[in-house]
Structures are given as C-alpha cells and as structure tokens.
Amino acid sequence: MHDIAAADTSPVTPHAPTAASSSASGERSAPDGTVAWFDPVSGIAGDMALGALLDAGADLEFVIEQLQTLGIDGWQLSAERVQRNELAATRAVVDAPEGHHHRRWRHIRELLESAPLGDRIRGRALAAFEALAVAEGQVHGVPPDEVHFHEVGALDAIVDIVGVCAALESLAVDEVACGPVAVGKGTIHAAHGVLPNPPPAVGYLLAGHPVVGVDIDMELTTPTGAAIVAALASVFGPVPPMTVTGVGFGAGTRELPGRPNVTGVLIGTRATEVSRTDAGLAATMAAIEGAESTAELVELATNLDDVSGELLGHAIEELLAAGALDAWAVPIVMKHGRPANTLMALCSADDVTALGDLIARLTGTLGLRARTVVRTALERHTTTVEIDGHRISVKHGPHRSKPEWSDVVAAAQALDRTPADVARTAALLATADQPHPDGSGA
C-alpha cells in the first residue's frame, strides 16, 4: 500500500485505510482478526515501527490527532519517502528536542491515563511504557516508577510509542505478531558511557523471544523498539496464517552495509476458516448433519515412554487450562516393546508455540509433531435442571444430551445416590424440555 507521496522531505500524504473508519473517541470500527506482523530483519526502533505502519496505510493525520490529545508541546511528526539500499521506505521524522528534561515512568503513566485517547491506544501505550520502565529499572537497579527516560529520550519515546499505538488503531489491528528480532554486536555509546550491544534493556525486553545476531557494529534494535514488540506482540515467529492486505517498510536513519535498514510490516486478516488444500474436505465435513462451524486447527503430538501416569494426567490438565481445545493420551508400544503414550493437544495456530513450549517443559520430551486437521463442531447448547435443590448443567447436541459429570457427582454425593442414577434423572428432565424434530414439545 505504497501510495505515500514520493518526496525527499515533505510529509506523507495520509489516506484512511479501507479496513477501518475513525470516530471522535479515537476508536476504530474494524473487521475481526486484523493482524500486524513486524519483520525486524534489520532491527526495530520506535520511529522505524511507526514508519512501517504509515507506509502500510496508517493515517498520519489520525496519529497526530491522537498525540495532540496528550497536551504536551515541543514535538513535531512528519514522514518522508526514502530509500535504504534501493528499497523504498517511509521514514517517520520525530522532532522532539527535549534537552535535559527527563520524565519518570509514573509521570508518563499519569499523562497517558488522563489523556482522552482511545481505550486500545491507551492500553497498548501503557503496556509498552511499563515494559520499558521495568527493563530500564533492571538495568539501573531502581524501581520502575523511578526510572528516568533519559537514555531513550522521554518526549521522543512518547511520540514513538503513542504514535505506533495510534497507527495500529488507524489500521484497525486486533493482534500484533513479530518475527525474530535482529540485534547488532560490539559496543554502543550511551549517556552512561560505553554499553554492550545489544543494549542491556533490549536484552531484558527480548528475554524469551527469538533474536538473530547480525555482524554489524551498530545498535539495530533500540529499547523503545524492543518494548513495542515485547509488550504488544502475542506471537513471535513466522508470518501467521493470514490474507495480506497491506505492506510497509519503515526506514532507520542510517544506511547499513549489505542490507536495507528497515523494519517491515505485513497487515492482514487472520485465516480462521479452512482454506487451501483442505477446502474439499472442509466442504464435506461442513455437510454433516447439525454442523455449526468448520475450521482448520493444529494437532500437536509427542510420544512418551518415560513419563508416569500422574505426570501425563497433570500435563493434560495444564494444556486445557492454557487454552488447548482438547488434550488426551493414547497408549502405544515403542521400540524394544516398551509401553508408552502419545500425548496430543488440539489448538488454534495462534497457540502452537505456547502449548508446544508447555508440553516440552512438563514432559521433558525431545521432539513434537504438528499437523493441520479439519474440525467440524456440531450445534450445541446448554440447559440446567434441578434435582432436589442441586443444579446440573446438561449439554445438548443434535443427537444426544449429556449431563455435566462434575455436577452429577456432586449431586450424587450430597443426595446419597449413585452417579448413574443422578445422570439418568438429569438427562430425562433435560430432554423433556427439548423440542421434538417436528417443533413440538416433549
């Protein structure tokens, strides 16, 4: 979506993306599932992330309007078209000479909380600044509230972070994702002297996330850029399944040897419905009587021959609590005739990394498999019946009604009846209230 005016120093000509429309509150109406995937192939800084979003179609005027609600002076924001190693990109030009005036995190938090920003803009900006304050506090050994944003420049960081959050809202982005973050090597010069590269704050911010070392003696990823993706990205890794609707590149200020100094971004809508090679199977599955929805999911699996039944059961419970749509174990026989189990979990593509990490941590497995499956969910609804003062939930499908077993057991224990007896009574009471296929009552 490179319809930004090509000029060396003139501001970007803004345009409103077709995916969203603005409101006076700073909130934007949007289709569900819009994703922004950042590609920090040459690192990321706050102005580079902002430039990438503007290049992908974010409305510069909307971003400036949101920044103006903060009620602070001394900054200007514009954008210009540039080239980095012959790749066209947009540079967000943030002019915020703050001199020696520093701001603490608690002051910035109060500023963001009191400003009439859109709720999602405010929430994302607070998250990014809090991550930055915690990391800088770890570096300097002070509580986050007492952190002075002198190293990143307080006013500059405010424009970068709030600007990025406003640009995300302009594009109606519901989810942020990020690829591996490039970092440089050697040392850098900072306010406190020479620091290792990547800067210590960047190391704290990106802990637990994938990074890629680049053989360049420059600061490729700044604390502000790292804070933005560390706080806002729900997924780190390859491009998530989506239909791309916009592409942007945000330029850094310098040229890099052998690579364009840009941060890329892809804007798209999540591929939540079944597509590609399984389309025919999905159509067949969707024709099943009572089918309500058909979606493409991921089935994770690992073979375990050295895990006890207690650990296996605990892993299943933890996977379900962590968002797995289902989790189970299947007895198998492995090499040398050893009895074993296959632990399996069904999940959305979004949760593969988190649940895969959880399986590895809980079981100590040395490998996992993943495959795409098509799942059709049949229509279902839940009703509640009462047996001698005890409420029992009953789930109804097209062909069967089943009482919730935990409710059945609790009622059976309280009433001194067998679970089978209580379940039978609950099922009879529930089905008596369900309509017949001809539309009449029972």
Protein backbone atom coordinates (compact mmCIF):
# COMPACT_ATOMS: atom_id res chain seq x y z
CA MET A 1 0.00 0.00 0.00
CA HIS A 2 2.70 2.45 -1.06
CA ASP A 3 0.51 5.39 -2.01
CA ILE A 4 2.53 7.82 0.06
CA ALA A 5 3.72 10.92 -1.77
CA ALA A 6 7.27 10.41 -3.01
CA ALA A 7 9.26 13.39 -1.77
CA ASP A 8 12.56 13.87 0.00
CA THR A 9 11.34 15.94 2.93
CA SER A 10 7.63 16.59 2.55
CA PRO A 11 5.17 14.88 4.89
CA VAL A 12 3.43 11.69 3.91
CA THR A 13 0.12 12.24 2.19
CA PRO A 14 -2.19 10.37 4.57
CA HIS A 15 -5.06 8.18 3.48
CA ALA A 16 -7.62 6.33 5.54
CA PRO A 17 -7.34 2.55 5.14
CA THR A 18 -10.41 0.85 3.83
CA ALA A 19 -10.46 -1.58 6.73
CA ALA A 20 -11.44 0.99 9.33
CA SER A 21 -13.10 4.31 9.96
CA SER A 22 -12.30 6.72 12.77
CA SER A 23 -14.54 8.08 15.47
CA ALA A 24 -14.24 11.08 17.71
CA SER A 25 -13.13 8.87 20.61
CA GLY A 26 -10.12 7.58 18.76
CA GLU A 27 -11.57 4.08 18.43
CA ARG A 28 -11.98 2.49 15.02
CA SER A 29 -14.53 0.07 13.74
CA ALA A 30 -12.86 -2.95 12.13
CA PRO A 31 -13.36 -6.46 10.89
CA ASP A 32 -12.33 -9.11 13.40
CA GLY A 33 -8.90 -10.69 13.14
CA THR A 34 -6.71 -7.94 11.63
CA VAL A 35 -3.03 -8.73 12.23
CA ALA A 36 0.15 -6.66 12.02
CA TRP A 37 3.27 -8.83 11.68
CA PHE A 38 6.51 -6.90 12.17
CA ASP A 39 9.66 -8.13 10.43
CA PRO A 40 12.70 -6.65 12.26
CA VAL A 41 15.13 -8.04 9.69
CA SER A 42 17.47 -5.11 10.42
CA GLY A 43 16.25 -4.46 13.94
CA ILE A 44 13.48 -2.20 15.17
CA ALA A 45 13.21 1.25 16.70
CA GLY A 46 10.15 3.24 17.63
CA ASP A 47 10.35 5.52 14.60
CA MET A 48 11.00 2.54 12.29
CA ALA A 49 7.90 0.74 13.55
CA LEU A 50 5.87 3.93 13.11
CA GLY A 51 7.26 4.48 9.61
CA ALA A 52 6.38 0.91 8.62
CA LEU A 53 2.76 1.34 9.74
CA LEU A 54 2.47 4.68 7.92
CA ASP A 55 3.93 3.03 4.83
CA ALA A 56 1.30 0.28 5.12
CA GLY A 57 -1.52 2.82 5.07
CA ALA A 58 -1.94 4.22 8.60
CA ASP A 59 -3.44 7.70 8.61
CA LEU A 60 -0.76 10.25 9.62
CA GLU A 61 -3.37 12.90 10.48
CA PHE A 62 -5.15 10.45 12.80
CA VAL A 63 -1.85 9.63 14.52
CA ILE A 64 -1.06 13.32 15.03
CA GLU A 65 -4.57 14.00 16.36
CA GLN A 66 -4.15 11.27 18.97
CA LEU A 67 -0.75 12.61 20.02
CA GLN A 68 -2.22 16.10 20.38
CA THR A 69 -4.70 14.81 22.98
CA LEU A 70 -1.74 14.34 25.34
CA GLY A 71 -1.49 18.11 25.74
CA ILE A 72 2.32 18.26 25.55
CA ASP A 73 4.32 20.67 23.40
CA GLY A 74 7.74 20.62 21.80
CA TRP A 75 7.30 17.87 19.22
CA GLN A 76 6.59 17.54 15.54
CA LEU A 77 5.83 14.47 13.46
CA SER A 78 6.11 14.15 9.71
CA ALA A 79 7.04 11.44 7.26
CA GLU A 80 9.13 11.24 4.12
CA ARG A 81 9.83 8.75 1.37
CA VAL A 82 13.40 7.49 1.35
CA GLN A 83 15.43 4.59 0.00
CA ARG A 84 17.52 2.18 2.04
CA ASN A 85 19.81 0.04 -0.15
CA GLU A 86 17.46 0.78 -3.07
CA LEU A 87 14.38 -0.35 -1.13
CA ALA A 88 11.68 2.34 -0.96
CA ALA A 89 10.52 3.01 2.60
CA THR A 90 8.89 5.63 4.79
CA ARG A 91 10.83 7.42 7.49
CA ALA A 92 8.84 8.78 10.41
CA VAL A 93 10.54 12.05 11.32
CA VAL A 94 10.11 12.75 15.02
CA ASP A 95 11.40 16.17 16.04
CA ALA A 96 11.33 16.30 19.84
CA PRO A 97 14.38 18.14 21.22
CA GLU A 98 13.92 17.75 24.95
CA GLY A 99 17.37 18.72 26.16
CA HIS A 100 17.99 17.63 29.74
CA HIS A 101 14.33 17.50 30.77
CA HIS A 102 13.61 13.96 31.95
CA ARG A 103 10.33 12.27 32.79
CA ARG A 104 9.76 9.41 35.22
CA TRP A 105 7.57 6.45 34.30
CA ARG A 106 4.97 7.36 36.90
CA HIS A 107 4.59 10.81 35.32
CA ILE A 108 4.19 9.32 31.85
CA ARG A 109 1.63 6.83 33.19
CA GLU A 110 -0.43 9.65 34.71
CA LEU A 111 -0.22 11.53 31.40
CA LEU A 112 -1.48 8.56 29.40
CA GLU A 113 -4.23 7.68 31.88
CA SER A 114 -5.63 11.22 31.92
CA ALA A 115 -5.48 11.90 28.16
CA PRO A 116 -8.65 11.35 26.07
CA LEU A 117 -7.03 8.62 23.99
CA GLY A 118 -8.95 5.68 22.58
CA ASP A 119 -9.02 2.82 25.09
CA ARG A 120 -7.00 0.42 22.95
CA ILE A 121 -4.42 3.10 22.12
CA ARG A 122 -4.03 3.94 25.81
CA GLY A 123 -3.83 0.29 26.89
CA ARG A 124 -1.16 -0.56 24.34
CA ALA A 125 0.88 2.56 25.12
CA LEU A 126 0.75 1.85 28.86
CA ALA A 127 1.86 -1.76 28.26
CA ALA A 128 4.81 -0.70 26.11
CA PHE A 129 5.97 2.00 28.53
CA GLU A 130 5.61 -0.31 31.51
CA ALA A 131 7.75 -2.94 29.79
CA LEU A 132 10.33 -0.27 29.02
CA ALA A 133 10.30 1.04 32.60
CA VAL A 134 10.70 -2.44 34.08
CA ALA A 135 13.63 -3.21 31.77
CA GLU A 136 15.37 0.12 32.44
CA GLY A 137 14.78 -0.42 36.16
CA GLN A 138 16.52 -3.79 35.94
CA VAL A 139 19.45 -2.19 34.14
CA HIS A 140 19.91 0.62 36.66
CA GLY A 141 18.74 -1.17 39.80
CA VAL A 142 15.85 1.17 40.60
CA PRO A 143 12.07 0.66 40.92
CA PRO A 144 10.23 1.11 37.60
CA ASP A 145 8.30 4.16 38.88
CA GLU A 146 11.60 5.97 39.50
CA VAL A 147 13.08 5.28 36.06
CA HIS A 148 14.18 8.43 34.20
CA PHE A 149 13.68 8.07 30.47
CA HIS A 150 16.86 9.95 29.66
CA GLU A 151 18.52 7.20 27.65
CA VAL A 152 15.64 6.84 25.20
CA GLY A 153 14.51 10.46 25.41
CA ALA A 154 11.17 10.82 27.17
CA LEU A 155 9.36 13.04 24.67
CA ASP A 156 10.78 11.16 21.71
CA ALA A 157 9.68 7.85 23.25
CA ILE A 158 6.17 9.22 23.93
CA VAL A 159 5.76 10.24 20.29
CA ASP A 160 7.15 6.92 19.05
CA ILE A 161 5.12 4.64 21.33
CA VAL A 162 1.81 6.51 21.30
CA GLY A 163 2.29 7.11 17.57
CA VAL A 164 2.73 3.38 16.91
CA CYS A 165 -0.33 2.55 19.03
CA ALA A 166 -2.40 5.17 17.18
CA ALA A 167 -1.17 3.86 13.82
CA LEU A 168 -2.19 0.32 14.82
CA GLU A 169 -5.64 1.66 15.65
CA SER A 170 -5.78 3.53 12.36
CA LEU A 171 -5.25 0.20 10.61
CA ALA A 172 -7.78 -1.50 12.93
CA VAL A 173 -5.16 -4.01 14.08
CA ASP A 174 -6.52 -6.53 16.58
CA GLU A 175 -3.34 -8.56 17.04
CA VAL A 176 0.36 -7.83 16.81
CA ALA A 177 2.90 -10.50 15.86
CA CYS A 178 6.63 -10.32 15.25
CA GLY A 179 9.40 -12.22 13.55
CA PRO A 180 12.86 -12.84 15.07
CA VAL A 181 14.44 -9.55 16.11
CA ALA A 182 17.83 -8.63 14.64
CA VAL A 183 20.44 -7.23 17.04
CA GLY A 184 23.91 -5.90 16.39
CA LYS A 185 27.26 -6.65 18.07
CA GLY A 186 30.13 -4.85 19.74
CA THR A 187 29.52 -1.78 21.87
CA ILE A 188 27.49 1.42 21.69
CA HIS A 189 27.93 4.86 23.22
CA ALA A 190 25.20 5.91 25.65
CA ALA A 191 24.59 8.57 28.28
CA HIS A 192 26.40 6.45 30.89
CA GLY A 193 29.33 5.64 28.64
CA VAL A 194 30.08 2.55 26.59
CA LEU A 195 27.46 -0.23 26.75
CA PRO A 196 27.37 -3.70 25.22
CA ASN A 197 25.39 -4.16 22.01
CA PRO A 198 22.54 -5.11 22.12
CA PRO A 199 21.87 -2.66 24.98
CA PRO A 200 21.10 -4.29 28.35
CA ALA A 201 17.49 -3.03 28.31
CA VAL A 202 16.95 -4.69 24.93
CA GLY A 203 18.26 -7.96 26.36
CA TYR A 204 15.80 -7.81 29.26
CA LEU A 205 12.89 -6.88 26.99
CA LEU A 206 13.53 -9.65 24.46
CA ALA A 207 14.19 -12.39 27.03
CA GLY A 208 12.21 -15.45 25.98
CA HIS A 209 11.72 -14.18 22.43
CA PRO A 210 13.67 -15.16 19.29
CA VAL A 211 16.54 -12.89 18.26
CA VAL A 212 19.06 -13.03 15.42
CA GLY A 213 22.58 -11.69 15.72
CA VAL A 214 23.85 -9.58 12.80
CA ASP A 215 27.55 -8.95 12.20
CA ILE A 216 27.20 -5.17 12.27
CA ASP A 217 28.72 -2.83 14.89
CA MET A 218 25.60 -0.68 15.22
CA GLU A 219 22.61 -0.51 17.51
CA LEU A 220 19.98 -2.21 15.36
CA THR A 221 17.25 -2.63 17.97
CA THR A 222 16.60 0.14 20.46
CA PRO A 223 14.92 -0.22 23.87
CA THR A 224 11.86 1.61 22.56
CA GLY A 225 11.52 -0.69 19.55
CA ALA A 226 12.06 -3.77 21.70
CA ALA A 227 9.46 -2.56 24.22
CA ILE A 228 6.85 -2.10 21.49
CA VAL A 229 7.09 -5.67 20.20
CA ALA A 230 7.77 -7.26 23.60
CA ALA A 231 4.65 -5.69 25.10
CA LEU A 232 2.29 -5.82 22.14
CA ALA A 233 3.19 -8.96 20.17
CA SER A 234 1.19 -12.01 21.20
CA VAL A 235 3.14 -14.28 18.83
CA PHE A 236 6.82 -14.38 17.84
CA GLY A 237 7.83 -16.41 14.82
CA PRO A 238 6.98 -16.81 11.13
CA VAL A 239 4.15 -14.94 9.43
CA PRO A 240 0.87 -16.23 10.91
CA PRO A 241 -1.78 -17.60 8.53
CA MET A 242 -3.49 -14.54 7.06
CA THR A 243 -4.59 -12.80 3.90
CA VAL A 244 -2.24 -9.86 3.33
CA THR A 245 -3.96 -6.50 2.82
CA GLY A 246 -1.05 -4.10 3.28
CA VAL A 247 2.76 -3.99 3.22
CA GLY A 248 5.02 -1.35 4.70
CA PHE A 249 8.69 -0.60 5.36
CA GLY A 250 9.88 1.85 8.00
CA ALA A 251 13.32 3.35 7.47
CA GLY A 252 16.07 3.86 10.01
CA THR A 253 18.19 6.99 9.90
CA ARG A 254 21.41 5.37 8.64
CA GLU A 255 22.47 3.09 5.84
CA LEU A 256 23.66 -0.39 6.80
CA PRO A 257 26.36 -2.33 4.94
CA GLY A 258 24.84 -5.05 2.80
CA ARG A 259 21.21 -4.78 3.91
CA PRO A 260 18.36 -2.26 3.93
CA ASN A 261 17.98 -0.53 7.26
CA VAL A 262 14.23 -1.05 7.52
CA THR A 263 11.59 -2.68 9.67
CA GLY A 264 8.92 -4.41 7.61
CA VAL A 265 5.28 -4.97 8.46
CA LEU A 266 2.54 -7.06 6.89
CA ILE A 267 -1.09 -6.18 7.59
CA GLY A 268 -3.68 -8.88 7.01
CA THR A 269 -6.78 -10.69 8.16
CA ARG A 270 -6.48 -13.94 10.07
CA ALA A 271 -7.07 -17.13 8.09
CA THR A 272 -9.52 -18.54 10.63
CA GLU A 273 -11.60 -20.53 8.19
CA VAL A 274 -10.39 -23.63 6.38
CA SER A 275 -8.57 -22.86 3.13
CA ARG A 276 -6.02 -24.18 0.64
CA THR A 277 -5.59 -27.96 0.31
CA ASP A 278 -8.27 -28.95 2.83
CA ALA A 279 -11.05 -26.96 1.18
CA GLY A 280 -12.69 -30.05 -0.35
CA LEU A 281 -12.52 -31.96 2.92
CA ALA A 282 -13.90 -28.96 4.77
CA ALA A 283 -16.88 -28.75 2.42
CA THR A 284 -17.59 -32.44 3.02
CA MET A 285 -17.28 -32.04 6.78
CA ALA A 286 -19.50 -28.98 6.75
CA ALA A 287 -22.26 -31.06 5.16
CA ILE A 288 -22.53 -33.27 8.27
CA GLU A 289 -25.99 -33.02 9.79
CA GLY A 290 -26.03 -30.44 12.57
CA ALA A 291 -22.67 -28.90 11.59
CA GLU A 292 -22.29 -25.45 13.08
CA SER A 293 -18.72 -24.45 12.10
CA THR A 294 -15.73 -25.95 10.32
CA ALA A 295 -12.22 -24.70 10.96
CA GLU A 296 -8.60 -25.60 10.36
CA LEU A 297 -6.78 -26.44 13.61
CA VAL A 298 -3.42 -27.87 14.64
CA GLU A 299 -2.88 -31.21 16.37
CA LEU A 300 0.30 -31.38 18.46
CA ALA A 301 1.68 -34.80 19.43
CA THR A 302 4.64 -36.33 21.21
CA ASN A 303 5.49 -39.96 22.09
CA LEU A 304 6.46 -40.54 25.73
CA ASP A 305 7.89 -43.74 27.18
CA ASP A 306 9.36 -42.33 30.39
CA VAL A 307 6.51 -40.28 31.87
CA SER A 308 4.31 -41.55 34.70
CA GLY A 309 0.54 -41.60 34.57
CA GLU A 310 0.40 -38.85 37.17
CA LEU A 311 2.61 -36.55 35.09
CA LEU A 312 0.64 -37.38 31.97
CA GLY A 313 -2.65 -36.52 33.64
CA HIS A 314 -1.20 -33.30 35.01
CA ALA A 315 0.07 -32.32 31.56
CA ILE A 316 -3.42 -32.83 30.07
CA GLU A 317 -4.98 -30.62 32.76
CA GLU A 318 -2.37 -27.90 32.25
CA LEU A 319 -2.80 -27.94 28.46
CA LEU A 320 -6.55 -27.49 28.80
CA ALA A 321 -6.07 -24.68 31.31
CA ALA A 322 -3.59 -23.00 28.93
CA GLY A 323 -6.07 -22.84 26.06
CA ALA A 324 -5.92 -26.22 24.29
CA LEU A 325 -9.28 -27.01 22.71
CA ASP A 326 -8.79 -30.64 23.71
CA ALA A 327 -6.00 -32.79 25.13
CA TRP A 328 -5.68 -36.56 25.50
CA ALA A 329 -3.31 -39.52 25.65
CA VAL A 330 -3.27 -42.69 23.53
CA PRO A 331 -1.48 -45.90 24.66
CA ILE A 332 1.17 -47.09 22.16
CA VAL A 333 4.11 -49.52 22.00
CA MET A 334 7.51 -48.07 21.13
CA LYS A 335 10.83 -49.65 20.20
CA HIS A 336 12.05 -52.63 22.20
CA GLY A 337 8.42 -53.34 23.05
CA ARG A 338 8.22 -50.55 25.63
CA PRO A 339 4.69 -49.46 26.60
CA ALA A 340 4.25 -45.70 26.11
CA ASN A 341 1.70 -42.96 25.42
CA THR A 342 1.17 -40.35 22.76
CA LEU A 343 0.22 -37.03 24.35
CA MET A 344 -1.89 -34.95 21.97
CA ALA A 345 -3.38 -31.46 22.05
CA LEU A 346 -5.76 -29.72 19.67
CA CYS A 347 -5.33 -25.98 19.32
CA SER A 348 -5.53 -22.97 17.04
CA ALA A 349 -2.47 -21.90 15.05
CA ASP A 350 -2.07 -18.95 17.43
CA ASP A 351 -1.40 -21.26 20.39
CA VAL A 352 1.05 -23.70 18.81
CA THR A 353 4.20 -22.08 20.19
CA ALA A 354 2.89 -21.57 23.72
CA LEU A 355 1.39 -25.07 24.01
CA GLY A 356 4.41 -26.69 22.37
CA ASP A 357 6.65 -24.98 24.94
CA LEU A 358 4.33 -26.15 27.72
CA ILE A 359 4.38 -29.78 26.53
CA ALA A 360 8.19 -29.75 26.37
CA ARG A 361 8.52 -28.19 29.82
CA LEU A 362 6.05 -30.53 31.54
CA THR A 363 7.16 -33.79 29.92
CA GLY A 364 10.82 -33.24 29.02
CA THR A 365 10.14 -34.53 25.51
CA LEU A 366 12.87 -34.09 22.92
CA GLY A 367 10.52 -33.55 19.98
CA LEU A 368 6.99 -32.75 18.91
CA ARG A 369 4.93 -33.20 15.76
CA ALA A 370 2.27 -30.92 14.38
CA ARG A 371 -0.27 -31.45 11.65
CA THR A 372 -3.19 -29.49 10.31
CA VAL A 373 -6.60 -31.04 10.85
CA VAL A 374 -10.13 -30.06 9.91
CA ARG A 375 -12.65 -29.98 12.75
CA THR A 376 -16.38 -29.62 12.38
CA ALA A 377 -18.20 -28.56 15.53
CA LEU A 378 -21.84 -29.64 15.69
CA GLU A 379 -24.56 -27.40 17.05
CA ARG A 380 -24.82 -27.47 20.80
CA HIS A 381 -26.42 -25.61 23.67
CA THR A 382 -26.62 -26.00 27.44
CA THR A 383 -29.58 -26.07 29.80
CA THR A 384 -29.81 -26.53 33.57
CA VAL A 385 -32.02 -28.91 35.54
CA GLU A 386 -32.55 -29.19 39.29
CA ILE A 387 -32.68 -32.41 41.32
CA ASP A 388 -33.70 -31.95 44.96
CA GLY A 389 -32.15 -28.49 45.06
CA HIS A 390 -28.96 -29.37 43.15
CA ARG A 391 -28.38 -27.69 39.78
CA ILE A 392 -26.90 -29.79 36.97
CA SER A 393 -25.82 -28.47 33.59
CA VAL A 394 -26.78 -30.56 30.56
CA LYS A 395 -25.16 -30.18 27.14
CA HIS A 396 -27.40 -30.88 24.15
CA GLY A 397 -26.22 -31.84 20.67
CA PRO A 398 -28.17 -32.82 17.56
CA HIS A 399 -28.36 -36.47 18.63
CA ARG A 400 -27.61 -36.63 22.35
CA SER A 401 -27.95 -34.85 25.68
CA LYS A 402 -25.32 -35.33 28.38
CA PRO A 403 -25.27 -34.03 31.99
CA GLU A 404 -22.06 -32.38 33.21
CA TRP A 405 -20.26 -35.13 35.11
CA SER A 406 -18.79 -32.92 37.87
CA ASP A 407 -22.30 -31.63 38.66
CA VAL A 408 -23.64 -35.20 38.63
CA VAL A 409 -21.00 -36.45 41.08
CA ALA A 410 -21.52 -33.51 43.45
CA ALA A 411 -25.29 -34.04 43.49
CA ALA A 412 -24.93 -37.82 43.92
CA GLN A 413 -22.66 -37.39 46.92
CA ALA A 414 -24.98 -34.84 48.53
CA LEU A 415 -28.11 -36.92 47.91
CA ASP A 416 -26.53 -40.32 48.71
CA ARG A 417 -27.43 -41.63 45.27
CA THR A 418 -25.28 -43.24 42.60
CA PRO A 419 -23.88 -41.01 39.84
CA ALA A 420 -25.54 -43.24 37.23
CA ASP A 421 -28.93 -42.70 38.86
CA VAL A 422 -28.49 -38.92 39.06
CA ALA A 423 -27.22 -38.71 35.47
CA ARG A 424 -30.20 -40.71 34.20
CA THR A 425 -32.66 -38.49 36.07
CA ALA A 426 -30.95 -35.29 34.86
CA ALA A 427 -30.98 -36.49 31.25
CA LEU A 428 -34.71 -37.32 31.45
CA LEU A 429 -35.55 -33.94 32.96
CA ALA A 430 -33.45 -32.09 30.39
CA THR A 431 -34.75 -33.91 27.33
CA ALA A 432 -38.33 -33.49 28.48
CA ASP A 433 -37.93 -29.74 27.90
CA GLN A 434 -36.29 -30.07 24.47
CA PRO A 435 -38.40 -29.67 21.29
CA HIS A 436 -39.07 -32.61 19.04
CA PRO A 437 -37.78 -32.51 15.46
CA ASP A 438 -41.28 -31.52 14.32
CA GLY A 439 -41.08 -28.43 16.54
CA SER A 440 -43.45 -29.64 19.25
CA GLY A 441 -42.52 -30.01 22.91
CA ALA A 442 -41.76 -33.34 24.54
